[in-house]
Amino acid sequence: MTSAAPPACRLYLITPPGIDDLVAFGRDLAHALDAGDVAALQIRLKGVDDAIIAAATDVLAPIAQARGVAVIMNDRPDLAARLGCDGVHVGQSDASCAEARRIVGAQATVGVTCHDSRHLAMEAAEAGADYVAFGAFFPTTTKEITAARPDLEILKVWQETMQIPCVAIGGITADNVHLVAEAGADFAAVCAGVWAYPQGPAEAVQALNAAIARGLAARAATV
């Protein structure tokens, strides 16, 4: 009897916290998205005016959406709705899942940060989140350091018990993404692992997808 194939794990890109040259970054983004499978792009620009976020979204969203890549706004459901994003990602100190859903509408994607807590993730799922995010799994300089450092086992347990997809985040690179794919992540969120990759963002997407495939193969071998 053949076991069911494990669920796929796809890339979820996050923009750098600051973008100095939108035109150049847009070219890098297009090359990265053309290099391999990417499910989503989160626009995450911290500590800047709304006008700067809007300008970045106006440039980057069409590049992603033309390639079938969902555009997710970080923190701000109001901007997600106003700027034509496909969804919003909210943290525990941002708008609630219910409030985000009210603002972006029933058809948009709502994701919720849950750190290392299955309890928070289950609450988000019950509130109607489309995905939950666990992390940081590995050391990262992109996000503020928190006490949350879940074990990979949380991905395995979530995958085996819940239907809502889970995103692994925090310090994920081509060298370790196979671990979260093997553990059961539906999506691997990557920031510096793409934009700071020595050979360039396009090569990073290729390397990440190849590593994800290895992780999924290892997972399949244990099913």
N, C-alpha and C. Protein backbone atom coordinates (compact mmCIF):
# COMPACT_ATOMS: atom_id res chain seq x y z
N MET A 1 0.85 -1.19 0.00
CA MET A 1 0.00 0.00 0.00
C MET A 1 0.89 1.25 0.00
N THR A 2 0.64 2.17 -0.91
CA THR A 2 1.46 3.37 -1.04
C THR A 2 0.96 4.46 -0.11
N SER A 3 1.88 5.05 0.64
CA SER A 3 1.49 6.13 1.55
C SER A 3 1.21 7.40 0.76
N ALA A 4 0.35 8.25 1.35
CA ALA A 4 0.05 9.53 0.70
C ALA A 4 1.30 10.38 0.69
N ALA A 5 1.45 11.17 -0.39
CA ALA A 5 2.61 12.05 -0.49
C ALA A 5 2.51 13.15 0.56
N PRO A 6 3.62 13.60 1.10
CA PRO A 6 3.57 14.69 2.08
C PRO A 6 3.15 15.99 1.41
N PRO A 7 2.58 16.92 2.17
CA PRO A 7 2.21 18.21 1.59
C PRO A 7 3.44 18.94 1.10
N ALA A 8 3.25 19.75 0.09
CA ALA A 8 4.37 20.51 -0.46
C ALA A 8 4.78 21.62 0.50
N CYS A 9 6.00 22.07 0.35
CA CYS A 9 6.50 23.23 1.08
C CYS A 9 6.96 24.24 0.04
N ARG A 10 6.45 25.46 0.14
CA ARG A 10 6.75 26.47 -0.86
C ARG A 10 7.42 27.69 -0.23
N LEU A 11 8.14 28.42 -1.04
CA LEU A 11 8.81 29.62 -0.56
C LEU A 11 7.84 30.78 -0.35
N TYR A 12 8.11 31.53 0.70
CA TYR A 12 7.34 32.72 1.05
C TYR A 12 8.39 33.81 1.28
N LEU A 13 8.58 34.68 0.30
CA LEU A 13 9.63 35.69 0.40
C LEU A 13 9.17 36.90 1.21
N ILE A 14 10.09 37.49 1.93
CA ILE A 14 9.84 38.71 2.69
C ILE A 14 10.82 39.77 2.22
N THR A 15 10.33 40.96 1.97
CA THR A 15 11.22 42.03 1.52
C THR A 15 12.21 42.39 2.62
N PRO A 16 13.34 42.99 2.26
CA PRO A 16 14.22 43.55 3.29
C PRO A 16 13.48 44.63 4.06
N PRO A 17 13.91 44.94 5.30
CA PRO A 17 13.21 45.97 6.08
C PRO A 17 13.33 47.37 5.48
N GLY A 18 14.30 47.57 4.61
CA GLY A 18 14.43 48.84 3.92
C GLY A 18 14.88 48.62 2.49
N ILE A 19 14.35 49.40 1.56
CA ILE A 19 14.71 49.27 0.15
C ILE A 19 15.18 50.64 -0.34
N ASP A 20 16.45 50.74 -0.70
CA ASP A 20 17.01 52.04 -1.10
C ASP A 20 16.67 52.40 -2.54
N ASP A 21 16.67 51.40 -3.42
CA ASP A 21 16.44 51.65 -4.85
C ASP A 21 15.34 50.71 -5.33
N LEU A 22 14.13 51.24 -5.44
CA LEU A 22 12.99 50.41 -5.80
C LEU A 22 13.12 49.82 -7.20
N VAL A 23 13.67 50.57 -8.12
CA VAL A 23 13.79 50.07 -9.49
C VAL A 23 14.74 48.88 -9.53
N ALA A 24 15.89 49.03 -8.89
CA ALA A 24 16.86 47.94 -8.86
C ALA A 24 16.31 46.73 -8.11
N PHE A 25 15.64 46.99 -6.99
CA PHE A 25 15.07 45.88 -6.23
C PHE A 25 13.97 45.19 -7.03
N GLY A 26 13.19 45.96 -7.76
CA GLY A 26 12.16 45.35 -8.60
C GLY A 26 12.75 44.41 -9.63
N ARG A 27 13.89 44.79 -10.20
CA ARG A 27 14.56 43.88 -11.15
C ARG A 27 15.03 42.61 -10.46
N ASP A 28 15.61 42.78 -9.26
CA ASP A 28 16.05 41.60 -8.50
C ASP A 28 14.87 40.70 -8.16
N LEU A 29 13.76 41.32 -7.77
CA LEU A 29 12.57 40.55 -7.44
C LEU A 29 12.07 39.76 -8.64
N ALA A 30 12.00 40.41 -9.79
CA ALA A 30 11.53 39.72 -10.99
C ALA A 30 12.42 38.54 -11.32
N HIS A 31 13.73 38.73 -11.25
CA HIS A 31 14.65 37.63 -11.53
C HIS A 31 14.48 36.49 -10.53
N ALA A 32 14.28 36.85 -9.26
CA ALA A 32 14.10 35.83 -8.22
C ALA A 32 12.83 35.04 -8.45
N LEU A 33 11.74 35.72 -8.77
CA LEU A 33 10.47 35.04 -8.97
C LEU A 33 10.48 34.18 -10.23
N ASP A 34 11.27 34.59 -11.22
CA ASP A 34 11.37 33.81 -12.45
C ASP A 34 12.28 32.59 -12.30
N ALA A 35 13.02 32.54 -11.19
CA ALA A 35 14.03 31.49 -11.03
C ALA A 35 13.49 30.19 -10.45
N GLY A 36 12.30 30.25 -9.85
CA GLY A 36 11.77 29.04 -9.25
C GLY A 36 10.46 29.32 -8.53
N ASP A 37 9.89 28.28 -7.94
CA ASP A 37 8.57 28.39 -7.32
C ASP A 37 8.60 29.30 -6.09
N VAL A 38 7.71 30.28 -6.07
CA VAL A 38 7.51 31.16 -4.93
C VAL A 38 6.00 31.36 -4.78
N ALA A 39 5.51 31.16 -3.56
CA ALA A 39 4.07 31.27 -3.32
C ALA A 39 3.62 32.68 -2.99
N ALA A 40 4.46 33.41 -2.22
CA ALA A 40 4.01 34.70 -1.72
C ALA A 40 5.18 35.64 -1.51
N LEU A 41 4.85 36.93 -1.52
CA LEU A 41 5.81 37.99 -1.21
C LEU A 41 5.19 38.85 -0.13
N GLN A 42 5.84 38.93 1.01
CA GLN A 42 5.37 39.82 2.07
C GLN A 42 6.12 41.14 1.99
N ILE A 43 5.38 42.22 1.93
CA ILE A 43 5.97 43.56 1.94
C ILE A 43 6.09 43.98 3.39
N ARG A 44 7.32 43.99 3.87
CA ARG A 44 7.59 44.27 5.29
C ARG A 44 8.60 45.40 5.38
N LEU A 45 8.10 46.61 5.48
CA LEU A 45 8.94 47.80 5.58
C LEU A 45 8.65 48.46 6.92
N LYS A 46 9.62 48.41 7.82
CA LYS A 46 9.40 48.85 9.19
C LYS A 46 9.88 50.27 9.42
N GLY A 47 9.12 51.02 10.19
CA GLY A 47 9.55 52.34 10.62
C GLY A 47 9.60 53.38 9.52
N VAL A 48 8.77 53.21 8.49
CA VAL A 48 8.74 54.19 7.40
C VAL A 48 7.32 54.72 7.23
N ASP A 49 7.20 55.84 6.55
CA ASP A 49 5.89 56.44 6.32
C ASP A 49 5.03 55.58 5.41
N ASP A 50 3.73 55.73 5.56
CA ASP A 50 2.80 54.99 4.71
C ASP A 50 3.04 55.27 3.24
N ALA A 51 3.45 56.50 2.93
CA ALA A 51 3.67 56.85 1.52
C ALA A 51 4.79 56.01 0.92
N ILE A 52 5.81 55.71 1.72
CA ILE A 52 6.92 54.88 1.24
C ILE A 52 6.46 53.45 1.03
N ILE A 53 5.66 52.95 1.95
CA ILE A 53 5.11 51.59 1.79
C ILE A 53 4.23 51.53 0.55
N ALA A 54 3.42 52.56 0.35
CA ALA A 54 2.54 52.59 -0.82
C ALA A 54 3.33 52.63 -2.12
N ALA A 55 4.39 53.43 -2.13
CA ALA A 55 5.22 53.52 -3.34
C ALA A 55 5.88 52.19 -3.64
N ALA A 56 6.37 51.52 -2.61
CA ALA A 56 7.00 50.22 -2.80
C ALA A 56 5.99 49.20 -3.30
N THR A 57 4.80 49.23 -2.73
CA THR A 57 3.77 48.28 -3.13
C THR A 57 3.35 48.51 -4.58
N ASP A 58 3.26 49.77 -4.97
CA ASP A 58 2.88 50.09 -6.35
C ASP A 58 3.88 49.51 -7.35
N VAL A 59 5.15 49.44 -6.96
CA VAL A 59 6.17 48.89 -7.85
C VAL A 59 6.23 47.37 -7.76
N LEU A 60 6.21 46.84 -6.55
CA LEU A 60 6.50 45.42 -6.34
C LEU A 60 5.29 44.51 -6.54
N ALA A 61 4.11 44.98 -6.16
CA ALA A 61 2.93 44.12 -6.26
C ALA A 61 2.65 43.66 -7.70
N PRO A 62 2.70 44.55 -8.69
CA PRO A 62 2.44 44.08 -10.05
C PRO A 62 3.46 43.05 -10.53
N ILE A 63 4.71 43.19 -10.10
CA ILE A 63 5.74 42.23 -10.50
C ILE A 63 5.39 40.85 -9.96
N ALA A 64 4.99 40.80 -8.69
CA ALA A 64 4.65 39.52 -8.07
C ALA A 64 3.34 38.96 -8.61
N GLN A 65 2.31 39.78 -8.65
CA GLN A 65 0.99 39.29 -9.04
C GLN A 65 0.95 38.85 -10.49
N ALA A 66 1.76 39.47 -11.34
CA ALA A 66 1.81 39.03 -12.74
C ALA A 66 2.37 37.62 -12.87
N ARG A 67 3.08 37.17 -11.84
CA ARG A 67 3.67 35.83 -11.85
C ARG A 67 2.91 34.86 -10.96
N GLY A 68 1.72 35.25 -10.54
CA GLY A 68 0.91 34.37 -9.71
C GLY A 68 1.37 34.28 -8.28
N VAL A 69 2.15 35.26 -7.83
CA VAL A 69 2.67 35.28 -6.46
C VAL A 69 1.80 36.22 -5.62
N ALA A 70 1.25 35.70 -4.53
CA ALA A 70 0.39 36.50 -3.66
C ALA A 70 1.20 37.57 -2.94
N VAL A 71 0.62 38.75 -2.83
CA VAL A 71 1.27 39.87 -2.14
C VAL A 71 0.60 40.06 -0.78
N ILE A 72 1.40 39.92 0.27
CA ILE A 72 0.91 40.02 1.64
C ILE A 72 1.53 41.25 2.30
N MET A 73 0.68 42.09 2.88
CA MET A 73 1.17 43.27 3.60
C MET A 73 1.43 42.91 5.05
N ASN A 74 2.57 43.32 5.57
CA ASN A 74 2.90 43.07 6.97
C ASN A 74 2.22 44.10 7.87
N ASP A 75 1.60 43.63 8.94
CA ASP A 75 1.09 44.45 10.04
C ASP A 75 -0.18 45.25 9.75
N ARG A 76 -0.36 45.71 8.52
CA ARG A 76 -1.33 46.76 8.25
C ARG A 76 -2.48 46.31 7.35
N PRO A 77 -3.58 45.80 7.93
CA PRO A 77 -4.72 45.42 7.09
C PRO A 77 -5.32 46.60 6.34
N ASP A 78 -5.23 47.81 6.91
CA ASP A 78 -5.78 48.97 6.23
C ASP A 78 -5.03 49.23 4.92
N LEU A 79 -3.69 49.15 4.97
CA LEU A 79 -2.91 49.35 3.75
C LEU A 79 -3.10 48.19 2.78
N ALA A 80 -3.22 46.98 3.31
CA ALA A 80 -3.44 45.83 2.44
C ALA A 80 -4.70 46.02 1.61
N ALA A 81 -5.76 46.49 2.25
CA ALA A 81 -7.02 46.69 1.54
C ALA A 81 -6.92 47.86 0.56
N ARG A 82 -6.30 48.93 0.99
CA ARG A 82 -6.22 50.13 0.16
C ARG A 82 -5.32 49.96 -1.05
N LEU A 83 -4.25 49.17 -0.88
CA LEU A 83 -3.25 49.05 -1.94
C LEU A 83 -3.43 47.82 -2.83
N GLY A 84 -4.49 47.10 -2.64
CA GLY A 84 -4.78 45.97 -3.53
C GLY A 84 -3.92 44.75 -3.29
N CYS A 85 -3.49 44.56 -2.04
CA CYS A 85 -2.73 43.35 -1.72
C CYS A 85 -3.66 42.14 -1.65
N ASP A 86 -3.06 40.98 -1.69
CA ASP A 86 -3.85 39.75 -1.63
C ASP A 86 -4.14 39.32 -0.20
N GLY A 87 -3.49 39.95 0.76
CA GLY A 87 -3.72 39.59 2.14
C GLY A 87 -2.86 40.39 3.08
N VAL A 88 -2.92 40.00 4.36
CA VAL A 88 -2.17 40.70 5.41
C VAL A 88 -1.64 39.68 6.40
N HIS A 89 -0.48 40.00 6.98
CA HIS A 89 0.09 39.19 8.04
C HIS A 89 0.15 40.05 9.29
N VAL A 90 -0.44 39.58 10.38
CA VAL A 90 -0.47 40.36 11.61
C VAL A 90 0.26 39.62 12.73
N GLY A 91 0.93 40.40 13.57
CA GLY A 91 1.60 39.86 14.74
C GLY A 91 0.68 39.91 15.95
N GLN A 92 1.18 39.41 17.07
CA GLN A 92 0.36 39.37 18.27
C GLN A 92 0.08 40.77 18.82
N SER A 93 0.89 41.76 18.48
CA SER A 93 0.66 43.12 18.96
C SER A 93 0.01 44.02 17.90
N ASP A 94 -0.36 43.42 16.78
CA ASP A 94 -1.03 44.18 15.71
C ASP A 94 -2.54 43.99 15.83
N ALA A 95 -3.26 44.28 14.77
CA ALA A 95 -4.70 44.04 14.75
C ALA A 95 -4.98 42.56 15.00
N SER A 96 -6.11 42.27 15.64
CA SER A 96 -6.49 40.88 15.84
C SER A 96 -6.82 40.24 14.50
N CYS A 97 -6.85 38.92 14.50
CA CYS A 97 -7.21 38.20 13.29
C CYS A 97 -8.61 38.61 12.82
N ALA A 98 -9.54 38.71 13.76
CA ALA A 98 -10.92 39.08 13.41
C ALA A 98 -10.99 40.48 12.83
N GLU A 99 -10.23 41.42 13.42
CA GLU A 99 -10.22 42.79 12.92
C GLU A 99 -9.58 42.85 11.53
N ALA A 100 -8.48 42.12 11.37
CA ALA A 100 -7.83 42.08 10.05
C ALA A 100 -8.79 41.52 9.00
N ARG A 101 -9.50 40.47 9.34
CA ARG A 101 -10.45 39.88 8.40
C ARG A 101 -11.55 40.86 8.05
N ARG A 102 -12.04 41.60 9.03
CA ARG A 102 -13.09 42.58 8.76
C ARG A 102 -12.61 43.63 7.76
N ILE A 103 -11.36 44.02 7.89
CA ILE A 103 -10.83 45.09 7.04
C ILE A 103 -10.51 44.60 5.64
N VAL A 104 -9.87 43.45 5.51
CA VAL A 104 -9.42 42.99 4.19
C VAL A 104 -10.47 42.18 3.45
N GLY A 105 -11.46 41.68 4.16
CA GLY A 105 -12.54 40.96 3.49
C GLY A 105 -12.36 39.45 3.49
N ALA A 106 -13.43 38.79 3.14
CA ALA A 106 -13.48 37.33 3.24
C ALA A 106 -12.56 36.63 2.26
N GLN A 107 -12.29 37.26 1.12
CA GLN A 107 -11.51 36.59 0.07
C GLN A 107 -10.00 36.77 0.24
N ALA A 108 -9.58 37.69 1.07
CA ALA A 108 -8.15 37.95 1.25
C ALA A 108 -7.54 36.94 2.23
N THR A 109 -6.24 36.81 2.16
CA THR A 109 -5.50 35.92 3.06
C THR A 109 -5.15 36.67 4.34
N VAL A 110 -5.36 36.01 5.47
CA VAL A 110 -4.95 36.56 6.76
C VAL A 110 -4.03 35.54 7.43
N GLY A 111 -2.79 35.96 7.73
CA GLY A 111 -1.85 35.12 8.44
C GLY A 111 -1.52 35.72 9.79
N VAL A 112 -1.20 34.86 10.76
CA VAL A 112 -0.98 35.32 12.13
C VAL A 112 0.33 34.75 12.69
N THR A 113 1.15 35.62 13.26
CA THR A 113 2.35 35.18 13.97
C THR A 113 1.97 34.50 15.28
N CYS A 114 2.52 33.31 15.51
CA CYS A 114 2.20 32.56 16.73
C CYS A 114 3.45 32.16 17.50
N HIS A 115 4.61 32.63 17.10
CA HIS A 115 5.87 32.40 17.81
C HIS A 115 6.12 30.91 18.03
N ASP A 116 6.13 30.48 19.29
CA ASP A 116 6.38 29.07 19.59
C ASP A 116 5.17 28.43 20.28
N SER A 117 3.98 29.01 20.03
CA SER A 117 2.79 28.62 20.79
C SER A 117 1.73 27.94 19.93
N ARG A 118 1.50 26.67 20.19
CA ARG A 118 0.38 25.99 19.53
C ARG A 118 -0.95 26.55 20.02
N HIS A 119 -0.98 27.01 21.26
CA HIS A 119 -2.22 27.61 21.79
C HIS A 119 -2.61 28.84 20.98
N LEU A 120 -1.64 29.74 20.76
CA LEU A 120 -1.93 30.92 19.95
C LEU A 120 -2.34 30.53 18.53
N ALA A 121 -1.68 29.51 17.99
CA ALA A 121 -1.99 29.06 16.64
C ALA A 121 -3.40 28.50 16.55
N MET A 122 -3.81 27.76 17.56
CA MET A 122 -5.16 27.20 17.55
C MET A 122 -6.20 28.31 17.70
N GLU A 123 -5.89 29.31 18.51
CA GLU A 123 -6.80 30.45 18.62
C GLU A 123 -6.92 31.17 17.28
N ALA A 124 -5.79 31.34 16.58
CA ALA A 124 -5.82 32.00 15.28
C ALA A 124 -6.63 31.18 14.28
N ALA A 125 -6.45 29.88 14.29
CA ALA A 125 -7.20 29.01 13.39
C ALA A 125 -8.69 29.12 13.66
N GLU A 126 -9.06 29.13 14.94
CA GLU A 126 -10.47 29.24 15.30
C GLU A 126 -11.05 30.59 14.92
N ALA A 127 -10.19 31.62 14.89
CA ALA A 127 -10.63 32.97 14.51
C ALA A 127 -10.71 33.15 13.00
N GLY A 128 -10.29 32.13 12.24
CA GLY A 128 -10.42 32.21 10.79
C GLY A 128 -9.16 32.54 10.03
N ALA A 129 -8.00 32.42 10.67
CA ALA A 129 -6.75 32.67 9.95
C ALA A 129 -6.58 31.67 8.81
N ASP A 130 -5.95 32.12 7.74
CA ASP A 130 -5.67 31.24 6.61
C ASP A 130 -4.36 30.50 6.79
N TYR A 131 -3.45 31.04 7.60
CA TYR A 131 -2.23 30.33 7.96
C TYR A 131 -1.72 30.87 9.29
N VAL A 132 -0.90 30.06 9.95
CA VAL A 132 -0.22 30.49 11.17
C VAL A 132 1.27 30.40 10.93
N ALA A 133 2.03 31.25 11.62
CA ALA A 133 3.48 31.29 11.43
C ALA A 133 4.17 31.00 12.75
N PHE A 134 5.10 30.06 12.72
CA PHE A 134 5.91 29.72 13.88
C PHE A 134 7.36 30.16 13.64
N GLY A 135 8.03 30.59 14.69
CA GLY A 135 9.43 30.94 14.60
C GLY A 135 9.80 31.97 15.66
N ALA A 136 11.09 32.29 15.77
CA ALA A 136 12.15 32.01 14.81
C ALA A 136 12.82 30.66 15.11
N PHE A 137 13.01 29.88 14.05
CA PHE A 137 13.61 28.56 14.21
C PHE A 137 15.13 28.61 14.28
N PHE A 138 15.72 29.62 13.65
CA PHE A 138 17.17 29.74 13.60
C PHE A 138 17.55 31.18 13.93
N PRO A 139 18.80 31.43 14.32
CA PRO A 139 19.22 32.80 14.61
C PRO A 139 18.97 33.72 13.42
N THR A 140 18.49 34.92 13.69
CA THR A 140 18.16 35.86 12.62
C THR A 140 18.49 37.28 13.03
N THR A 141 18.93 38.06 12.07
CA THR A 141 19.17 39.48 12.31
C THR A 141 18.09 40.34 11.68
N THR A 142 17.14 39.71 10.98
CA THR A 142 16.10 40.46 10.27
C THR A 142 15.03 40.97 11.22
N LYS A 143 14.62 40.11 12.15
CA LYS A 143 13.57 40.49 13.09
C LYS A 143 14.16 40.71 14.48
N GLU A 144 13.40 41.42 15.29
CA GLU A 144 13.82 41.66 16.66
C GLU A 144 13.97 40.31 17.37
N ILE A 145 14.98 40.20 18.21
CA ILE A 145 15.20 38.97 18.94
C ILE A 145 14.10 38.81 20.00
N THR A 146 13.47 37.67 20.04
CA THR A 146 12.45 37.36 21.04
C THR A 146 12.84 36.07 21.73
N ALA A 147 12.09 35.78 22.79
CA ALA A 147 12.35 34.55 23.52
C ALA A 147 11.82 33.33 22.77
N ALA A 148 10.99 33.57 21.77
CA ALA A 148 10.37 32.47 21.04
C ALA A 148 11.38 31.77 20.16
N ARG A 149 11.64 30.51 20.43
CA ARG A 149 12.55 29.72 19.62
C ARG A 149 12.00 28.29 19.60
N PRO A 150 10.98 28.05 18.78
CA PRO A 150 10.32 26.74 18.81
C PRO A 150 11.22 25.63 18.30
N ASP A 151 10.90 24.44 18.73
CA ASP A 151 11.54 23.25 18.20
C ASP A 151 10.85 22.87 16.91
N LEU A 152 11.59 22.23 16.01
CA LEU A 152 11.00 21.81 14.74
C LEU A 152 9.81 20.87 14.94
N GLU A 153 9.74 20.24 16.09
CA GLU A 153 8.64 19.31 16.37
C GLU A 153 7.28 19.98 16.28
N ILE A 154 7.22 21.30 16.54
CA ILE A 154 5.94 22.00 16.48
C ILE A 154 5.35 21.95 15.07
N LEU A 155 6.21 21.95 14.05
CA LEU A 155 5.74 21.86 12.67
C LEU A 155 5.17 20.47 12.40
N LYS A 156 5.84 19.46 12.88
CA LYS A 156 5.39 18.08 12.68
C LYS A 156 4.03 17.86 13.34
N VAL A 157 3.90 18.29 14.58
CA VAL A 157 2.65 18.10 15.31
C VAL A 157 1.52 18.87 14.65
N TRP A 158 1.81 20.10 14.25
CA TRP A 158 0.77 20.91 13.60
C TRP A 158 0.33 20.26 12.29
N GLN A 159 1.28 19.81 11.50
CA GLN A 159 0.95 19.21 10.22
C GLN A 159 0.10 17.95 10.40
N GLU A 160 0.35 17.21 11.46
CA GLU A 160 -0.37 15.95 11.69
C GLU A 160 -1.75 16.15 12.30
N THR A 161 -1.99 17.31 12.91
CA THR A 161 -3.23 17.47 13.66
C THR A 161 -4.15 18.57 13.15
N MET A 162 -3.63 19.49 12.36
CA MET A 162 -4.43 20.64 11.93
C MET A 162 -4.44 20.77 10.40
N GLN A 163 -5.49 21.38 9.88
CA GLN A 163 -5.60 21.58 8.43
C GLN A 163 -5.09 22.94 7.99
N ILE A 164 -5.08 23.92 8.89
CA ILE A 164 -4.61 25.26 8.54
C ILE A 164 -3.11 25.19 8.24
N PRO A 165 -2.64 25.72 7.12
CA PRO A 165 -1.21 25.67 6.78
C PRO A 165 -0.35 26.42 7.80
N CYS A 166 0.89 25.98 7.91
CA CYS A 166 1.83 26.66 8.81
C CYS A 166 3.04 27.15 8.03
N VAL A 167 3.52 28.30 8.45
CA VAL A 167 4.70 28.94 7.87
C VAL A 167 5.83 28.88 8.89
N ALA A 168 6.99 28.45 8.46
CA ALA A 168 8.20 28.49 9.29
C ALA A 168 8.96 29.75 8.95
N ILE A 169 9.44 30.45 9.98
CA ILE A 169 10.12 31.73 9.77
C ILE A 169 11.30 31.86 10.72
N GLY A 170 12.27 32.65 10.33
CA GLY A 170 13.36 33.00 11.22
C GLY A 170 14.67 32.34 10.86
N GLY A 171 15.55 33.09 10.21
CA GLY A 171 16.89 32.60 9.92
C GLY A 171 16.96 31.48 8.90
N ILE A 172 15.94 31.33 8.08
CA ILE A 172 15.89 30.22 7.12
C ILE A 172 16.74 30.56 5.90
N THR A 173 17.60 29.62 5.53
CA THR A 173 18.51 29.79 4.40
C THR A 173 18.52 28.51 3.56
N ALA A 174 19.27 28.54 2.47
CA ALA A 174 19.42 27.35 1.63
C ALA A 174 20.11 26.22 2.39
N ASP A 175 20.81 26.53 3.47
CA ASP A 175 21.52 25.52 4.23
C ASP A 175 20.64 24.79 5.25
N ASN A 176 19.52 25.42 5.64
CA ASN A 176 18.69 24.77 6.66
C ASN A 176 17.23 24.61 6.29
N VAL A 177 16.80 25.13 5.14
CA VAL A 177 15.38 25.06 4.79
C VAL A 177 14.89 23.63 4.66
N HIS A 178 15.80 22.69 4.33
CA HIS A 178 15.37 21.30 4.23
C HIS A 178 14.84 20.78 5.56
N LEU A 179 15.31 21.35 6.66
CA LEU A 179 14.88 20.89 7.97
C LEU A 179 13.42 21.26 8.24
N VAL A 180 13.01 22.47 7.87
CA VAL A 180 11.62 22.85 8.10
C VAL A 180 10.69 22.16 7.10
N ALA A 181 11.18 21.94 5.89
CA ALA A 181 10.37 21.20 4.91
C ALA A 181 10.15 19.76 5.37
N GLU A 182 11.21 19.14 5.86
CA GLU A 182 11.09 17.76 6.34
C GLU A 182 10.19 17.68 7.57
N ALA A 183 10.25 18.71 8.41
CA ALA A 183 9.46 18.70 9.65
C ALA A 183 7.97 18.87 9.39
N GLY A 184 7.60 19.54 8.28
CA GLY A 184 6.18 19.67 7.99
C GLY A 184 5.70 21.07 7.66
N ALA A 185 6.59 22.04 7.49
CA ALA A 185 6.15 23.39 7.13
C ALA A 185 5.51 23.39 5.75
N ASP A 186 4.40 24.09 5.63
CA ASP A 186 3.76 24.26 4.33
C ASP A 186 4.45 25.36 3.52
N PHE A 187 5.01 26.32 4.24
CA PHE A 187 5.72 27.44 3.61
C PHE A 187 6.96 27.75 4.43
N ALA A 188 8.01 28.17 3.75
CA ALA A 188 9.25 28.60 4.40
C ALA A 188 9.46 30.07 4.08
N ALA A 189 9.38 30.91 5.10
CA ALA A 189 9.54 32.35 4.91
C ALA A 189 11.02 32.71 4.97
N VAL A 190 11.46 33.43 3.95
CA VAL A 190 12.89 33.74 3.82
C VAL A 190 13.06 35.22 3.48
N CYS A 191 13.99 35.86 4.16
CA CYS A 191 14.32 37.26 3.86
C CYS A 191 15.78 37.37 3.47
N ALA A 192 16.67 37.50 4.45
CA ALA A 192 18.10 37.65 4.15
C ALA A 192 18.66 36.46 3.39
N GLY A 193 18.06 35.29 3.59
CA GLY A 193 18.51 34.09 2.89
C GLY A 193 18.36 34.19 1.38
N VAL A 194 17.57 35.15 0.92
CA VAL A 194 17.44 35.42 -0.52
C VAL A 194 18.20 36.68 -0.90
N TRP A 195 17.88 37.79 -0.22
CA TRP A 195 18.41 39.09 -0.67
C TRP A 195 19.89 39.27 -0.36
N ALA A 196 20.43 38.53 0.63
CA ALA A 196 21.85 38.61 0.95
C ALA A 196 22.62 37.38 0.48
N TYR A 197 22.00 36.57 -0.34
CA TYR A 197 22.67 35.37 -0.84
C TYR A 197 23.85 35.79 -1.72
N PRO A 198 25.02 35.24 -1.49
CA PRO A 198 26.23 35.73 -2.19
C PRO A 198 26.13 35.70 -3.71
N GLN A 199 25.48 34.69 -4.26
CA GLN A 199 25.39 34.57 -5.71
C GLN A 199 24.20 35.32 -6.30
N GLY A 200 23.37 35.93 -5.47
CA GLY A 200 22.25 36.71 -5.95
C GLY A 200 20.91 36.08 -5.64
N PRO A 201 19.82 36.88 -5.66
CA PRO A 201 18.49 36.40 -5.29
C PRO A 201 17.97 35.26 -6.17
N ALA A 202 18.20 35.34 -7.47
CA ALA A 202 17.70 34.28 -8.35
C ALA A 202 18.35 32.94 -8.01
N GLU A 203 19.65 32.97 -7.81
CA GLU A 203 20.35 31.75 -7.44
C GLU A 203 19.90 31.24 -6.07
N ALA A 204 19.56 32.17 -5.19
CA ALA A 204 19.06 31.78 -3.87
C ALA A 204 17.74 31.02 -3.99
N VAL A 205 16.84 31.51 -4.81
CA VAL A 205 15.55 30.83 -5.00
C VAL A 205 15.76 29.43 -5.56
N GLN A 206 16.68 29.31 -6.50
CA GLN A 206 16.98 27.98 -7.04
C GLN A 206 17.52 27.05 -5.96
N ALA A 207 18.47 27.55 -5.17
CA ALA A 207 19.07 26.74 -4.12
C ALA A 207 18.06 26.37 -3.04
N LEU A 208 17.20 27.31 -2.68
CA LEU A 208 16.19 27.05 -1.66
C LEU A 208 15.20 26.00 -2.13
N ASN A 209 14.75 26.11 -3.37
CA ASN A 209 13.79 25.13 -3.88
C ASN A 209 14.42 23.74 -3.98
N ALA A 210 15.69 23.68 -4.36
CA ALA A 210 16.37 22.38 -4.42
C ALA A 210 16.47 21.77 -3.03
N ALA A 211 16.78 22.61 -2.03
CA ALA A 211 16.88 22.11 -0.66
C ALA A 211 15.52 21.69 -0.12
N ILE A 212 14.47 22.44 -0.46
CA ILE A 212 13.12 22.05 -0.06
C ILE A 212 12.77 20.68 -0.62
N ALA A 213 13.11 20.46 -1.87
CA ALA A 213 12.83 19.16 -2.49
C ALA A 213 13.52 18.03 -1.75
N ARG A 214 14.74 18.28 -1.29
CA ARG A 214 15.45 17.26 -0.52
C ARG A 214 14.76 17.00 0.82
N GLY A 215 14.30 18.06 1.44
CA GLY A 215 13.60 17.90 2.70
C GLY A 215 12.30 17.14 2.55
N LEU A 216 11.56 17.44 1.48
CA LEU A 216 10.30 16.73 1.23
C LEU A 216 10.54 15.27 0.92
N ALA A 217 11.63 14.98 0.19
CA ALA A 217 11.96 13.59 -0.12
C ALA A 217 12.28 12.83 1.16
N ALA A 218 13.01 13.49 2.07
CA ALA A 218 13.33 12.84 3.34
C ALA A 218 12.06 12.61 4.15
N ARG A 219 11.14 13.55 4.12
CA ARG A 219 9.87 13.39 4.83
C ARG A 219 9.06 12.25 4.25
N ALA A 220 9.04 12.17 2.93
CA ALA A 220 8.28 11.10 2.27
C ALA A 220 8.82 9.73 2.63
N ALA A 221 10.12 9.66 2.84
CA ALA A 221 10.74 8.38 3.16
C ALA A 221 10.35 7.87 4.54
N THR A 222 9.84 8.78 5.37
CA THR A 222 9.46 8.38 6.73
C THR A 222 7.97 8.17 6.89
N VAL A 223 7.19 8.50 5.85
CA VAL A 223 5.73 8.38 5.94
C VAL A 223 5.31 6.91 5.82
